[in-house]
């Protein structure tokens, strides 16, 4: 799954720490060794609420909230 998608990790915040991929797949009739159809991958990304982070480009570190910065660090109090 991950080899087909570029995961933009600017703001990932995994809320469900008890998530089990194996349990999720089993509930849909799949195992971790199965080749998953694209609609199941899409459903998984939606269920994990990370679909919005899939994209062609990575974070633009020269734009808010990553800029301005000093040596790559900022206070996090950036006003748009």
Protein backbone atom coordinates (compact mmCIF):
# COMPACT_ATOMS: atom_id res chain seq x y z
CA UNK A 1 0.00 0.00 0.00
CA UNK A 2 2.64 2.53 1.01
CA UNK A 3 4.75 1.85 -2.07
CA UNK A 4 1.93 3.19 -4.24
CA UNK A 5 1.32 6.36 -2.26
CA UNK A 6 3.39 9.22 -0.96
CA UNK A 7 2.34 9.93 2.59
CA UNK A 8 2.65 13.60 3.43
CA UNK A 9 3.36 13.57 7.18
CA UNK A 10 3.17 17.27 8.01
CA UNK A 11 0.33 16.95 10.51
CA UNK A 12 -0.25 13.27 11.21
CA UNK A 13 -1.95 12.80 14.55
CA UNK A 14 -2.92 9.19 15.12
CA UNK A 15 -5.75 9.18 17.63
CA UNK A 16 -6.65 5.49 17.66
CA UNK A 17 -3.58 3.90 19.25
CA UNK A 18 -5.49 0.61 19.60
CA UNK A 19 -5.90 0.25 15.84
CA UNK A 20 -4.95 -3.16 14.46
CA UNK A 21 -4.45 -3.50 10.73
CA UNK A 22 -4.93 -7.25 10.96
CA UNK A 23 -8.24 -6.88 12.83
CA UNK A 24 -9.42 -4.18 10.42
CA UNK A 25 -8.58 -6.36 7.40
CA UNK A 26 -10.16 -9.46 8.95
CA UNK A 27 -13.40 -7.56 9.57
CA UNK A 28 -13.55 -7.04 5.80
CA UNK A 29 -12.58 -10.60 4.87
CA UNK A 30 -8.90 -10.00 4.09
CA UNK A 31 -5.62 -11.05 5.64
CA UNK A 32 -2.35 -9.13 5.83
CA UNK A 33 -0.92 -11.33 3.04
CA UNK A 34 -3.68 -10.49 0.55
CA UNK A 35 -3.26 -8.07 -2.31
CA UNK A 36 -5.81 -5.40 -1.50
CA UNK A 37 -8.07 -3.81 -4.09
CA UNK A 38 -7.80 -0.03 -4.36
CA UNK A 39 -11.24 0.55 -2.82
CA UNK A 40 -10.16 -1.28 0.37
CA UNK A 41 -6.97 0.78 0.56
CA UNK A 42 -9.05 3.93 0.12
CA UNK A 43 -11.47 2.79 2.85
CA UNK A 44 -8.55 2.14 5.20
CA UNK A 45 -7.05 5.57 4.55
CA UNK A 46 -10.44 7.18 5.18
CA UNK A 47 -11.05 5.15 8.34
CA UNK A 48 -7.65 6.20 9.68
CA UNK A 49 -8.45 9.79 8.67
CA UNK A 50 -5.18 10.13 6.79
CA UNK A 51 -6.51 10.33 3.22
CA UNK A 52 -5.93 14.09 3.18
CA UNK A 53 -2.21 13.50 3.70
CA UNK A 54 -1.80 11.41 0.57
CA UNK A 55 -0.38 13.54 -2.18
CA UNK A 56 2.23 14.06 -4.81
CA UNK A 57 4.17 16.71 -2.95
CA UNK A 58 5.61 16.92 0.50
CA UNK A 59 5.31 19.75 3.01
CA UNK A 60 6.47 23.13 1.81
CA UNK A 61 8.90 24.11 4.54
CA UNK A 62 9.05 27.65 3.14
CA UNK A 63 5.41 28.35 3.96
CA UNK A 64 3.34 28.78 7.13
CA UNK A 65 3.38 27.07 9.62
CA UNK A 66 6.94 25.89 8.94
CA UNK A 67 8.30 29.32 8.06
CA UNK A 68 9.68 31.56 9.49
CA UNK A 69 12.13 29.40 11.36
CA UNK A 70 15.61 29.45 12.77
CA UNK A 71 17.71 26.41 11.83
CA UNK A 72 14.50 24.54 11.01
CA UNK A 73 12.79 25.32 14.33
CA UNK A 74 10.04 27.78 15.14
CA UNK A 75 7.91 28.58 18.15
CA UNK A 76 4.70 27.22 16.61
CA UNK A 77 3.05 30.62 17.18
CA UNK A 78 2.99 31.56 13.51
CA UNK A 79 0.15 33.87 12.44
CA UNK A 80 -1.25 33.40 8.94
